């Protein structure tokens, strides 16, 4: 029970912290997704040939 409460408090802190840097996090996630997708496409085309 105590552990769950602690985790809830930690996640609340994390959410509050991310609230301030949310735009930066979103941009980083989008960039990572784009890079992963482009790498996957390159690998797919390489194997297709």
N, C-alpha and C. Protein backbone atom coordinates (compact mmCIF):
# COMPACT_ATOMS: atom_id res chain seq x y z
N UNK A 1 0.83 -1.21 0.00
CA UNK A 1 0.00 0.00 0.00
C UNK A 1 0.87 1.26 0.00
N UNK A 2 1.86 1.26 0.90
CA UNK A 2 2.75 2.42 1.01
C UNK A 2 3.49 2.63 -0.32
N UNK A 3 3.93 1.53 -0.91
CA UNK A 3 4.67 1.60 -2.17
C UNK A 3 3.81 2.23 -3.26
N UNK A 4 2.54 1.80 -3.33
CA UNK A 4 1.61 2.33 -4.35
C UNK A 4 1.45 3.84 -4.16
N UNK A 5 1.27 4.25 -2.90
CA UNK A 5 1.12 5.69 -2.61
C UNK A 5 2.37 6.45 -3.03
N UNK A 6 3.52 5.84 -2.77
CA UNK A 6 4.80 6.48 -3.11
C UNK A 6 4.91 6.61 -4.63
N UNK A 7 4.54 5.54 -5.35
CA UNK A 7 4.59 5.56 -6.81
C UNK A 7 3.64 6.64 -7.35
N UNK A 8 2.44 6.72 -6.77
CA UNK A 8 1.47 7.75 -7.18
C UNK A 8 2.06 9.15 -7.00
N UNK A 9 2.70 9.36 -5.85
CA UNK A 9 3.29 10.67 -5.57
C UNK A 9 4.41 10.96 -6.56
N UNK A 10 5.23 9.94 -6.85
CA UNK A 10 6.34 10.11 -7.80
C UNK A 10 5.81 10.44 -9.19
N UNK A 11 4.79 9.69 -9.64
CA UNK A 11 4.24 9.93 -10.97
C UNK A 11 3.58 11.31 -11.04
N UNK A 12 2.98 11.74 -9.94
CA UNK A 12 2.39 13.09 -9.89
C UNK A 12 3.49 14.14 -10.03
N UNK A 13 4.62 13.91 -9.36
CA UNK A 13 5.77 14.82 -9.48
C UNK A 13 6.29 14.83 -10.91
N UNK A 14 6.39 13.63 -11.50
CA UNK A 14 6.87 13.52 -12.88
C UNK A 14 5.95 14.26 -13.83
N UNK A 15 4.63 14.08 -13.65
CA UNK A 15 3.65 14.76 -14.50
C UNK A 15 3.77 16.28 -14.34
N UNK A 16 3.91 16.74 -13.09
CA UNK A 16 4.07 18.17 -12.83
C UNK A 16 5.34 18.69 -13.49
N UNK A 17 6.42 17.89 -13.41
CA UNK A 17 7.69 18.28 -14.02
C UNK A 17 7.56 18.32 -15.53
N UNK A 18 6.92 17.30 -16.11
CA UNK A 18 6.75 17.25 -17.57
C UNK A 18 5.82 18.35 -18.05
N UNK A 19 4.94 18.82 -17.19
CA UNK A 19 4.05 19.91 -17.56
C UNK A 19 4.83 21.15 -17.97
N UNK A 20 5.99 21.36 -17.32
CA UNK A 20 6.83 22.52 -17.63
C UNK A 20 7.61 22.31 -18.92
N UNK A 21 8.10 21.07 -19.15
CA UNK A 21 8.95 20.80 -20.31
C UNK A 21 8.23 19.96 -21.36
N UNK A 22 6.88 19.93 -21.29
CA UNK A 22 6.09 19.12 -22.22
C UNK A 22 6.42 19.41 -23.69
N UNK A 23 6.47 20.69 -24.13
CA UNK A 23 6.76 20.97 -25.54
C UNK A 23 8.08 20.35 -25.99
N UNK A 24 9.11 20.45 -25.15
CA UNK A 24 10.42 19.89 -25.48
C UNK A 24 10.32 18.38 -25.62
N UNK A 25 9.63 17.74 -24.66
CA UNK A 25 9.46 16.28 -24.69
C UNK A 25 8.72 15.85 -25.95
N UNK A 26 7.67 16.58 -26.30
CA UNK A 26 6.88 16.25 -27.50
C UNK A 26 7.76 16.34 -28.75
N UNK A 27 8.55 17.41 -28.85
CA UNK A 27 9.43 17.59 -30.01
C UNK A 27 10.44 16.44 -30.09
N UNK A 28 11.04 16.09 -28.95
CA UNK A 28 12.03 15.01 -28.92
C UNK A 28 11.39 13.70 -29.36
N UNK A 29 10.19 13.41 -28.83
CA UNK A 29 9.48 12.17 -29.19
C UNK A 29 9.18 12.14 -30.68
N UNK A 30 8.71 13.26 -31.22
CA UNK A 30 8.38 13.33 -32.65
C UNK A 30 9.63 13.08 -33.49
N UNK A 31 10.74 13.72 -33.12
CA UNK A 31 12.00 13.54 -33.86
C UNK A 31 12.43 12.07 -33.81
N UNK A 32 12.36 11.45 -32.62
CA UNK A 32 12.75 10.05 -32.49
C UNK A 32 11.87 9.17 -33.37
N UNK A 33 10.55 9.43 -33.35
CA UNK A 33 9.62 8.64 -34.18
C UNK A 33 9.96 8.78 -35.66
N UNK A 34 10.22 10.01 -36.10
CA UNK A 34 10.56 10.24 -37.52
C UNK A 34 11.83 9.49 -37.89
N UNK A 35 12.85 9.57 -37.04
CA UNK A 35 14.13 8.88 -37.30
C UNK A 35 13.90 7.37 -37.36
N UNK A 36 13.17 6.83 -36.41
CA UNK A 36 12.91 5.38 -36.37
C UNK A 36 12.16 4.95 -37.63
N UNK A 37 11.15 5.72 -38.02
CA UNK A 37 10.34 5.37 -39.20
C UNK A 37 11.21 5.42 -40.46
N UNK A 38 12.02 6.46 -40.61
CA UNK A 38 12.86 6.58 -41.81
C UNK A 38 13.89 5.45 -41.86
N UNK A 39 14.47 5.10 -40.70
CA UNK A 39 15.43 3.99 -40.65
C UNK A 39 14.73 2.68 -41.03
N UNK A 40 13.51 2.48 -40.51
CA UNK A 40 12.74 1.28 -40.83
C UNK A 40 12.44 1.22 -42.33
N UNK A 41 12.09 2.36 -42.94
CA UNK A 41 11.81 2.41 -44.37
C UNK A 41 13.06 2.06 -45.17
N UNK A 42 14.21 2.61 -44.77
CA UNK A 42 15.48 2.32 -45.45
C UNK A 42 15.80 0.83 -45.36
N UNK A 43 15.63 0.25 -44.18
CA UNK A 43 15.89 -1.19 -43.99
C UNK A 43 14.94 -2.01 -44.85
N UNK A 44 13.66 -1.62 -44.88
CA UNK A 44 12.65 -2.34 -45.68
C UNK A 44 13.02 -2.31 -47.16
N UNK A 45 13.40 -1.13 -47.66
CA UNK A 45 13.75 -1.01 -49.08
C UNK A 45 15.03 -1.79 -49.38
N UNK A 46 15.97 -1.78 -48.44
CA UNK A 46 17.22 -2.52 -48.62
C UNK A 46 16.94 -4.02 -48.74
N UNK A 47 16.03 -4.52 -47.89
CA UNK A 47 15.69 -5.94 -47.92
C UNK A 47 14.78 -6.27 -49.10
N UNK A 48 14.00 -5.28 -49.55
CA UNK A 48 13.09 -5.49 -50.68
C UNK A 48 13.90 -5.78 -51.95
N UNK A 49 15.02 -5.09 -52.11
CA UNK A 49 15.90 -5.33 -53.25
C UNK A 49 16.71 -6.59 -52.96
